[in-house]
């Protein structure tokens, strides 16, 4: 099992996407309802300022955070690898899909 790592600089989901706050709030609620096993898309900002979006499979959650396994190999964000365990807030969610 990998160690939980602090995620790199988050993207401000509602400000940097085509989604408005209402859609973001629905995604947060959907992730809570689907729980472990669903996949969430979260954004990262690389050191050079490039935005990178990746999927993570939710393995657990608390009232204010999600634990998930990164499902993509990052192209730009250093310090992350496919299979890493991440912990992040619900406000990091861009999209949710049921597995």
Protein backbone atom coordinates (compact mmCIF):
# COMPACT_ATOMS: atom_id res chain seq x y z
CA UNK A 1 0.00 0.00 0.00
CA UNK A 2 1.28 3.44 -0.87
CA UNK A 3 1.52 6.28 1.60
CA UNK A 4 -1.11 8.98 1.48
CA UNK A 5 0.47 12.00 -0.17
CA UNK A 6 -0.46 15.63 -0.12
CA UNK A 7 -1.87 16.58 -3.49
CA UNK A 8 -0.10 19.28 -5.51
CA UNK A 9 -1.60 22.72 -5.91
CA UNK A 10 -5.32 22.34 -6.62
CA UNK A 11 -7.15 24.03 -9.42
CA UNK A 12 -10.03 26.29 -8.45
CA UNK A 13 -12.74 24.13 -9.99
CA UNK A 14 -15.64 26.56 -10.20
CA UNK A 15 -13.51 29.46 -11.41
CA UNK A 16 -11.44 27.69 -14.08
CA UNK A 17 -13.99 25.47 -15.76
CA UNK A 18 -17.17 25.67 -17.78
CA UNK A 19 -19.14 24.44 -14.78
CA UNK A 20 -20.90 26.80 -12.44
CA UNK A 21 -21.14 26.42 -8.67
CA UNK A 22 -24.49 24.62 -8.87
CA UNK A 23 -22.96 21.87 -11.03
CA UNK A 24 -19.97 21.61 -8.71
CA UNK A 25 -22.28 21.27 -5.70
CA UNK A 26 -24.22 18.48 -7.46
CA UNK A 27 -20.96 16.65 -8.21
CA UNK A 28 -19.92 16.89 -4.56
CA UNK A 29 -23.30 15.46 -3.47
CA UNK A 30 -23.17 12.70 -6.10
CA UNK A 31 -19.71 11.63 -4.89
CA UNK A 32 -21.05 11.43 -1.34
CA UNK A 33 -24.04 9.34 -2.47
CA UNK A 34 -22.03 6.93 -4.66
CA UNK A 35 -19.24 6.56 -2.11
CA UNK A 36 -16.40 4.08 -2.42
CA UNK A 37 -15.87 2.74 -5.91
CA UNK A 38 -16.97 5.80 -7.86
CA UNK A 39 -14.44 7.74 -9.90
CA UNK A 40 -13.86 11.46 -9.48
CA UNK A 41 -11.97 13.84 -11.76
CA UNK A 42 -9.72 16.24 -9.91
CA UNK A 43 -7.46 19.01 -11.15
CA UNK A 44 -3.83 19.73 -10.44
CA UNK A 45 -1.56 22.60 -11.38
CA UNK A 46 1.97 21.63 -12.44
CA UNK A 47 4.99 23.72 -11.45
CA UNK A 48 5.06 25.35 -14.90
CA UNK A 49 1.39 26.38 -14.51
CA UNK A 50 -0.05 23.70 -16.79
CA UNK A 51 -3.41 22.31 -15.66
CA UNK A 52 -3.81 18.55 -15.57
CA UNK A 53 -7.03 16.65 -14.87
CA UNK A 54 -6.93 13.05 -13.67
CA UNK A 55 -9.30 10.37 -12.44
CA UNK A 56 -9.15 8.81 -9.00
CA UNK A 57 -11.13 5.86 -7.61
CA UNK A 58 -12.71 6.68 -4.26
CA UNK A 59 -11.73 4.22 -1.52
CA UNK A 60 -13.17 6.08 1.45
CA UNK A 61 -14.47 9.38 2.72
CA UNK A 62 -15.13 11.37 5.83
CA UNK A 63 -17.39 14.37 6.36
CA UNK A 64 -14.89 16.70 4.69
CA UNK A 65 -12.40 14.63 2.68
CA UNK A 66 -12.03 11.82 0.17
CA UNK A 67 -9.36 9.14 -0.02
CA UNK A 68 -8.79 7.78 -3.51
CA UNK A 69 -6.31 5.95 -5.74
CA UNK A 70 -4.98 7.88 -8.73
CA UNK A 71 -5.97 6.04 -11.93
CA UNK A 72 -3.90 8.04 -14.45
CA UNK A 73 -0.16 8.43 -14.98
CA UNK A 74 0.50 12.19 -14.76
CA UNK A 75 2.08 13.88 -17.76
CA UNK A 76 2.94 17.21 -16.13
CA UNK A 77 2.51 17.01 -12.36
CA UNK A 78 5.69 15.86 -10.66
CA UNK A 79 5.58 13.86 -7.46
CA UNK A 80 2.46 11.87 -8.40
CA UNK A 81 2.19 8.43 -9.99
CA UNK A 82 -0.63 6.15 -11.05
CA UNK A 83 -1.66 4.10 -8.00
CA UNK A 84 -0.80 6.79 -5.43
CA UNK A 85 -3.29 7.21 -2.60
CA UNK A 86 -4.56 10.79 -2.35
CA UNK A 87 -6.59 12.62 0.26
CA UNK A 88 -8.43 15.77 -0.80
CA UNK A 89 -11.52 17.85 -0.11
CA UNK A 90 -14.85 17.56 -1.90
CA UNK A 91 -14.20 21.00 -3.38
CA UNK A 92 -11.54 19.42 -5.63
CA UNK A 93 -14.12 17.38 -7.57
CA UNK A 94 -14.73 18.40 -11.17
CA UNK A 95 -16.71 15.38 -12.35
CA UNK A 96 -18.06 12.09 -10.98
CA UNK A 97 -18.83 8.77 -12.68
CA UNK A 98 -20.22 5.57 -11.25
CA UNK A 99 -17.85 2.65 -11.69
